[in-house]
Amino acid sequence: MTVYKQTETNTQTVEARSAKTRLAPALGLFFLAPLIGEFLLGNLPITWLWVLLVLAPLYGGGALLIRETARRLKLGWPSIIVLGLTYAVIEEAFVTQTLFNPNYLGLRLLDYGYISSLGIGAWWTVFVLGIHTIWSTSVPIALVESLTPAARRTPWLGILGLVVTAVLFVIGCALAFFGQQQEPFIASRLQFLASGIVVVILIAIAVVLGRMRINPPPTSNKPPAVPVVGGTAFILSSAFMSLAILQEAIPVSLNVAGMIGLIAAGSGLLWTWSHRLGWSEQHRLAVAGGLLLTYGWYGFVQIPSAGATSPLIDTIGNAIFAGGALVLLGIAWKRLSAHQG
């Protein structure tokens, strides 16, 4: 009887530790997504760090739902990226409505490349959907999974956790919707309908991609070295973000074509390299790291869209966020090496 009780106690202890192990990365992703998506980007200053509590349900809830759905259904990274694009459409078409609002927060986001027949800005649509797909969802997911390599492929949440996350996400959407309606604006029914159709199609594509088992022709070529992969991700993403700096300095058609071309080139290289023999977890982290460092430098040139603060405080905050990103990358690299060693 004593042995039985001791065994039961040990089992409960292991289960408790396992629950904590799963909860930690879930909470990490919940808060890391908005930290990267808004603060590392430089869109919000460090003096507005309290807004993290408001943004986490939206950004973190969305990223966590994407990650858990993909891992539970075994969908893979192409599906995660498509679901990230789905999240981008939901946030920008339904929640903030920046895709359609010509004077969102007084920023005039649609003026550069405005398409009157659709009521959208070509440049802003490609740019904002791109940054949400890449940096607001995919990069945080990849980074947190690298920080917890032993649980990378397994779900972190149970059914209750998923329900709570979904509720928090809906609350986050509502808070963002009502909190940013400084001027009355509602998109047209046709715009909402079209956006809803796009969301449904993207979800279907994500599921189909996850169910497809595409085996590329065998090749003896190995992927480039880890630093080359990370450097390529950094260069391509830096060029993408540099086009934001060149907004209105070059014709909008060239700007939009450049962004789409860079995304296509990066996607093609990533697809090719990741299907070569020898592609590793370190390669995946290098991609995330290169992308993360791009946001790191861009934060220093980005002017916050809200939360007025002095240039000095803003620069100090950007340095803190960039330094934190480097620390996380270092820890992730160390843990990956230890796990595989």
Protein backbone atom coordinates (compact mmCIF):
# COMPACT_ATOMS: atom_id res chain seq x y z
CA MET A 1 0.00 0.00 0.00
CA THR A 2 2.84 2.36 0.90
CA VAL A 3 4.56 1.64 -2.40
CA TYR A 4 1.27 2.24 -4.26
CA LYS A 5 0.73 5.61 -2.57
CA GLN A 6 4.31 6.65 -3.27
CA THR A 7 3.94 5.68 -6.93
CA GLU A 8 0.68 7.62 -7.17
CA THR A 9 2.29 10.65 -5.57
CA ASN A 10 5.23 10.47 -7.99
CA THR A 11 2.83 10.24 -10.92
CA GLN A 12 0.91 13.28 -9.75
CA THR A 13 4.16 15.19 -9.33
CA VAL A 14 5.26 14.33 -12.87
CA GLU A 15 1.86 15.36 -14.24
CA ALA A 16 2.02 18.66 -12.38
CA ARG A 17 5.48 19.37 -13.74
CA SER A 18 4.31 18.42 -17.23
CA ALA A 19 1.38 20.83 -16.95
CA LYS A 20 3.71 23.62 -15.89
CA THR A 21 6.05 22.77 -18.77
CA ARG A 22 3.17 23.14 -21.23
CA LEU A 23 1.71 26.24 -19.61
CA ALA A 24 4.97 28.19 -19.59
CA PRO A 25 5.42 28.31 -23.39
CA ALA A 26 1.72 29.07 -23.87
CA LEU A 27 1.97 32.08 -21.55
CA GLY A 28 5.26 33.04 -23.17
CA LEU A 29 3.70 33.12 -26.63
CA PHE A 30 0.65 34.95 -25.27
CA PHE A 31 2.79 37.92 -24.21
CA LEU A 32 5.65 37.64 -26.70
CA ALA A 33 3.42 38.08 -29.76
CA PRO A 34 2.34 41.65 -28.88
CA LEU A 35 5.83 42.51 -27.63
CA ILE A 36 7.22 41.69 -31.06
CA GLY A 37 4.22 42.86 -33.06
CA GLU A 38 4.00 46.35 -31.54
CA PHE A 39 6.92 47.18 -29.23
CA LEU A 40 9.94 45.63 -30.99
CA LEU A 41 8.52 47.10 -34.20
CA GLY A 42 8.66 50.53 -32.57
CA ASN A 43 4.99 51.21 -33.16
CA LEU A 44 4.44 51.70 -29.42
CA PRO A 45 6.99 53.19 -26.98
CA ILE A 46 8.15 51.54 -23.79
CA THR A 47 6.13 54.06 -21.77
CA TRP A 48 3.04 52.33 -23.11
CA LEU A 49 4.10 48.89 -21.93
CA TRP A 50 0.94 48.69 -19.84
CA VAL A 51 -1.01 48.34 -23.09
CA LEU A 52 0.50 44.84 -23.29
CA LEU A 53 -2.33 43.64 -21.05
CA VAL A 54 -4.84 44.87 -23.62
CA LEU A 55 -2.94 43.67 -26.68
CA ALA A 56 -2.05 40.20 -25.39
CA PRO A 57 -5.57 38.73 -25.77
CA LEU A 58 -5.64 39.88 -29.40
CA TYR A 59 -2.08 39.20 -30.58
CA GLY A 60 -1.16 36.48 -28.13
CA GLY A 61 -4.56 34.85 -28.21
CA GLY A 62 -4.49 34.75 -32.00
CA ALA A 63 -0.94 33.36 -32.21
CA LEU A 64 -1.66 30.75 -29.54
CA LEU A 65 -4.86 29.60 -31.26
CA ILE A 66 -2.97 29.27 -34.55
CA ARG A 67 -0.19 27.29 -32.96
CA GLU A 68 -2.43 24.97 -30.97
CA THR A 69 -4.73 24.32 -33.93
CA ALA A 70 -1.81 23.50 -36.20
CA ARG A 71 -0.12 21.19 -33.69
CA ARG A 72 -3.32 19.38 -32.75
CA LEU A 73 -4.22 18.77 -36.39
CA LYS A 74 -0.58 18.18 -37.41
CA LEU A 75 -0.80 20.80 -40.13
CA GLY A 76 2.82 21.94 -40.38
CA TRP A 77 4.47 25.28 -41.05
CA PRO A 78 2.88 26.14 -44.42
CA SER A 79 -0.50 25.93 -42.68
CA ILE A 80 0.74 28.04 -39.75
CA ILE A 81 1.79 30.76 -42.17
CA VAL A 82 -1.57 30.69 -43.98
CA LEU A 83 -3.38 30.82 -40.63
CA GLY A 84 -1.18 33.79 -39.77
CA LEU A 85 -2.47 35.51 -42.90
CA THR A 86 -6.00 34.60 -41.81
CA TYR A 87 -5.36 36.30 -38.47
CA ALA A 88 -4.05 39.37 -40.32
CA VAL A 89 -7.25 39.65 -42.37
CA ILE A 90 -9.42 39.25 -39.25
CA GLU A 91 -7.56 41.97 -37.35
CA GLU A 92 -7.22 44.51 -40.15
CA ALA A 93 -10.56 43.95 -41.90
CA PHE A 94 -12.90 43.33 -38.96
CA VAL A 95 -11.23 44.53 -35.75
CA THR A 96 -9.31 47.70 -36.58
CA GLN A 97 -10.68 47.99 -40.14
CA THR A 98 -7.47 49.69 -41.30
CA LEU A 99 -7.85 47.99 -44.68
CA PHE A 100 -10.89 50.17 -45.35
CA ASN A 101 -10.73 53.19 -43.01
CA PRO A 102 -9.19 56.09 -45.00
CA ASN A 103 -8.30 58.07 -41.87
CA TYR A 104 -7.51 55.49 -39.22
CA LEU A 105 -6.09 57.35 -36.18
CA GLY A 106 -5.51 60.26 -38.56
CA LEU A 107 -2.67 58.36 -40.27
CA ARG A 108 -4.10 58.34 -43.83
CA LEU A 109 -2.83 54.80 -44.39
CA LEU A 110 -4.70 54.24 -47.64
CA ASP A 111 -3.63 57.33 -49.57
CA TYR A 112 -0.49 55.75 -51.01
CA GLY A 113 -1.80 53.51 -53.78
CA TYR A 114 -5.51 53.96 -53.08
CA ILE A 115 -7.81 51.76 -55.20
CA SER A 116 -11.15 53.53 -55.22
CA SER A 117 -13.09 50.63 -56.73
CA LEU A 118 -12.15 48.38 -53.80
CA GLY A 119 -11.87 51.03 -51.10
CA ILE A 120 -8.41 49.84 -50.06
CA GLY A 121 -4.81 50.99 -50.32
CA ALA A 122 -2.69 48.57 -52.36
CA TRP A 123 0.51 49.34 -50.48
CA TRP A 124 -1.00 49.25 -47.00
CA THR A 125 -2.88 46.01 -47.68
CA VAL A 126 0.23 44.12 -48.76
CA PHE A 127 2.39 45.65 -46.05
CA VAL A 128 0.13 45.18 -43.04
CA LEU A 129 -0.99 41.68 -43.99
CA GLY A 130 2.65 40.78 -44.55
CA ILE A 131 3.94 42.00 -41.19
CA HIS A 132 1.13 40.30 -39.27
CA THR A 133 1.64 37.02 -41.11
CA ILE A 134 5.39 37.06 -40.55
CA TRP A 135 6.12 38.94 -37.34
CA SER A 136 2.90 39.02 -35.31
CA THR A 137 2.29 35.27 -35.54
CA SER A 138 4.92 33.11 -37.30
CA VAL A 139 8.05 34.56 -35.69
CA PRO A 140 6.75 34.42 -32.08
CA ILE A 141 5.53 30.85 -32.60
CA ALA A 142 8.88 29.75 -34.05
CA LEU A 143 10.84 31.48 -31.29
CA VAL A 144 8.84 30.04 -28.38
CA GLU A 145 8.93 26.56 -29.90
CA SER A 146 12.71 26.86 -30.16
CA LEU A 147 12.82 27.90 -26.51
CA THR A 148 10.97 24.67 -25.61
CA PRO A 149 12.35 22.10 -28.09
CA ALA A 150 11.10 19.07 -26.15
CA ALA A 151 7.49 20.24 -26.55
CA ARG A 152 7.80 21.77 -30.01
CA ARG A 153 5.45 19.39 -31.78
CA THR A 154 2.96 18.76 -28.98
CA PRO A 155 -0.07 20.83 -27.92
CA TRP A 156 0.45 23.03 -24.90
CA LEU A 157 -3.20 23.51 -23.98
CA GLY A 158 -6.03 21.19 -23.10
CA ILE A 159 -9.63 21.72 -24.15
CA LEU A 160 -10.26 24.13 -21.27
CA GLY A 161 -7.14 26.10 -22.17
CA LEU A 162 -8.26 26.35 -25.78
CA VAL A 163 -11.69 27.61 -24.74
CA VAL A 164 -10.17 30.20 -22.41
CA THR A 165 -7.77 31.34 -25.14
CA ALA A 166 -10.60 31.65 -27.65
CA VAL A 167 -12.65 33.70 -25.18
CA LEU A 168 -9.67 35.95 -24.49
CA PHE A 169 -9.12 36.39 -28.21
CA VAL A 170 -12.72 37.49 -28.72
CA ILE A 171 -12.37 39.89 -25.78
CA GLY A 172 -9.15 41.23 -27.30
CA CYS A 173 -10.89 41.79 -30.64
CA ALA A 174 -13.70 43.66 -28.90
CA LEU A 175 -11.32 45.82 -26.88
CA ALA A 176 -9.33 46.72 -29.97
CA PHE A 177 -12.47 47.42 -31.98
CA PHE A 178 -14.07 49.78 -29.48
CA GLY A 179 -10.82 51.25 -28.18
CA GLN A 180 -9.67 52.49 -31.58
CA GLN A 181 -12.93 53.88 -32.90
CA GLN A 182 -11.94 57.51 -32.37
CA GLU A 183 -14.05 58.51 -35.33
CA PRO A 184 -17.20 56.62 -36.31
CA PHE A 185 -16.30 54.28 -39.15
CA ILE A 186 -17.84 51.04 -40.31
CA ALA A 187 -16.77 49.22 -43.45
CA SER A 188 -19.42 48.43 -46.04
CA ARG A 189 -21.36 45.20 -46.00
CA LEU A 190 -19.68 44.17 -49.23
CA GLN A 191 -16.23 44.73 -47.72
CA PHE A 192 -17.14 42.68 -44.66
CA LEU A 193 -18.61 39.94 -46.84
CA ALA A 194 -15.57 39.80 -49.10
CA SER A 195 -13.26 39.69 -46.08
CA GLY A 196 -15.31 36.88 -44.54
CA ILE A 197 -15.08 34.87 -47.75
CA VAL A 198 -11.31 35.39 -47.80
CA VAL A 199 -11.04 34.16 -44.20
CA VAL A 200 -13.00 30.99 -44.98
CA ILE A 201 -10.92 30.30 -48.10
CA LEU A 202 -7.65 30.80 -46.21
CA ILE A 203 -8.72 28.42 -43.44
CA ALA A 204 -9.64 25.82 -46.05
CA ILE A 205 -6.27 26.27 -47.75
CA ALA A 206 -4.47 25.86 -44.42
CA VAL A 207 -6.29 22.59 -43.72
CA VAL A 208 -5.72 21.23 -47.24
CA LEU A 209 -2.02 22.14 -47.10
CA GLY A 210 -1.73 20.37 -43.77
CA ARG A 211 -3.34 17.21 -45.13
CA MET A 212 -1.18 17.14 -48.25
CA ARG A 213 2.02 15.16 -48.02
CA ILE A 214 4.29 16.71 -50.59
CA ASN A 215 7.54 14.84 -51.01
CA PRO A 216 9.90 16.79 -53.27
CA PRO A 217 12.32 14.88 -55.50
CA PRO A 218 15.30 13.58 -53.52
CA THR A 219 18.38 15.75 -53.83
CA SER A 220 21.94 15.45 -52.63
CA ASN A 221 22.14 19.20 -52.08
CA LYS A 222 22.34 20.29 -48.50
CA PRO A 223 20.78 23.49 -47.14
CA PRO A 224 23.10 26.46 -46.73
CA ALA A 225 24.91 26.91 -43.44
CA VAL A 226 22.85 28.23 -40.54
CA PRO A 227 24.42 31.74 -40.64
CA VAL A 228 23.70 31.98 -44.37
CA VAL A 229 20.05 31.07 -43.83
CA GLY A 230 19.70 33.61 -41.02
CA GLY A 231 21.54 36.27 -42.99
CA THR A 232 19.33 35.72 -46.03
CA ALA A 233 16.20 36.06 -43.90
CA PHE A 234 17.60 39.27 -42.42
CA ILE A 235 18.52 40.79 -45.78
CA LEU A 236 15.23 39.99 -47.50
CA SER A 237 13.10 41.11 -44.56
CA SER A 238 15.19 44.26 -44.12
CA ALA A 239 14.60 45.10 -47.78
CA PHE A 240 10.87 44.54 -47.21
CA MET A 241 10.78 46.90 -44.23
CA SER A 242 12.97 49.43 -46.04
CA LEU A 243 10.19 49.81 -48.59
CA ALA A 244 8.09 51.23 -45.76
CA ILE A 245 10.72 53.93 -45.28
CA LEU A 246 10.66 54.64 -49.03
CA GLN A 247 6.89 55.04 -49.02
CA GLU A 248 5.93 57.80 -51.46
CA ALA A 249 9.59 58.21 -52.46
CA ILE A 250 9.13 55.74 -55.31
CA PRO A 251 6.07 54.88 -57.43
CA VAL A 252 3.58 52.78 -55.48
CA SER A 253 3.53 50.12 -58.19
CA LEU A 254 7.27 49.51 -57.76
CA ASN A 255 6.92 49.50 -53.97
CA VAL A 256 4.11 46.96 -53.96
CA ALA A 257 5.82 44.82 -56.58
CA GLY A 258 8.99 44.90 -54.52
CA MET A 259 7.21 43.73 -51.35
CA ILE A 260 5.42 40.92 -53.16
CA GLY A 261 8.63 39.90 -54.91
CA LEU A 262 10.58 39.77 -51.66
CA ILE A 263 7.88 37.67 -49.98
CA ALA A 264 7.81 35.31 -52.97
CA ALA A 265 11.60 35.01 -53.06
CA GLY A 266 11.83 34.35 -49.33
CA SER A 267 9.02 31.81 -49.44
CA GLY A 268 10.60 30.01 -52.38
CA LEU A 269 14.02 29.79 -50.75
CA LEU A 270 12.54 28.65 -47.45
CA TRP A 271 10.47 25.96 -49.16
CA THR A 272 13.46 24.70 -51.15
CA TRP A 273 15.96 24.73 -48.31
CA SER A 274 13.63 23.23 -45.71
CA HIS A 275 13.08 20.15 -47.91
CA ARG A 276 16.76 19.37 -48.23
CA LEU A 277 18.46 16.68 -46.21
CA GLY A 278 20.13 18.27 -43.21
CA TRP A 279 17.60 21.03 -42.56
CA SER A 280 17.55 21.38 -38.77
CA GLU A 281 15.90 23.15 -35.87
CA GLN A 282 18.86 25.53 -35.86
CA HIS A 283 18.01 26.51 -39.44
CA ARG A 284 14.43 27.28 -38.42
CA LEU A 285 15.64 29.38 -35.51
CA ALA A 286 18.04 31.20 -37.84
CA VAL A 287 15.12 32.20 -40.06
CA ALA A 288 13.17 33.47 -37.05
CA GLY A 289 16.28 35.22 -35.76
CA GLY A 290 16.96 37.02 -39.03
CA LEU A 291 13.37 38.22 -39.16
CA LEU A 292 13.44 39.26 -35.51
CA LEU A 293 16.60 41.31 -35.95
CA THR A 294 14.98 43.18 -38.81
CA TYR A 295 12.24 44.38 -36.49
CA GLY A 296 15.01 45.21 -34.03
CA TRP A 297 16.68 47.79 -36.27
CA TYR A 298 13.43 49.06 -37.73
CA GLY A 299 12.17 49.97 -34.27
CA PHE A 300 14.83 52.69 -34.09
CA VAL A 301 13.54 54.45 -37.22
CA GLN A 302 9.85 53.88 -36.69
CA ILE A 303 7.92 56.81 -35.21
CA PRO A 304 5.37 55.51 -32.68
CA SER A 305 1.82 55.86 -33.97
CA ALA A 306 0.54 56.35 -30.41
CA GLY A 307 1.94 57.18 -26.98
CA ALA A 308 3.90 60.40 -27.35
CA THR A 309 7.29 60.28 -25.64
CA SER A 310 10.69 61.94 -25.98
CA PRO A 311 13.11 60.67 -28.65
CA LEU A 312 15.59 59.69 -25.92
CA ILE A 313 13.10 57.57 -23.99
CA ASP A 314 11.89 56.02 -27.23
CA THR A 315 15.45 55.11 -28.24
CA ILE A 316 16.18 53.62 -24.81
CA GLY A 317 13.02 51.56 -25.06
CA ASN A 318 13.95 50.34 -28.54
CA ALA A 319 17.38 49.32 -27.25
CA ILE A 320 15.80 47.37 -24.39
CA PHE A 321 13.42 45.52 -26.70
CA ALA A 322 16.17 44.77 -29.23
CA GLY A 323 18.45 43.57 -26.43
CA GLY A 324 15.68 41.35 -25.11
CA ALA A 325 15.25 39.83 -28.57
CA LEU A 326 18.97 39.01 -28.71
CA VAL A 327 18.83 37.40 -25.26
CA LEU A 328 15.87 35.22 -26.25
CA LEU A 329 17.64 34.13 -29.42
CA GLY A 330 20.73 33.19 -27.42
CA ILE A 331 18.71 31.17 -24.91
CA ALA A 332 16.81 29.43 -27.70
CA TRP A 333 20.04 28.49 -29.46
CA LYS A 334 21.51 27.12 -26.26
CA ARG A 335 18.42 25.05 -25.49
CA LEU A 336 18.22 23.66 -29.00
CA SER A 337 21.88 22.64 -28.86
CA ALA A 338 21.42 21.01 -25.45
CA HIS A 339 18.30 19.17 -26.58
CA GLN A 340 19.94 17.77 -29.67
CA GLY A 341 23.21 17.07 -27.89
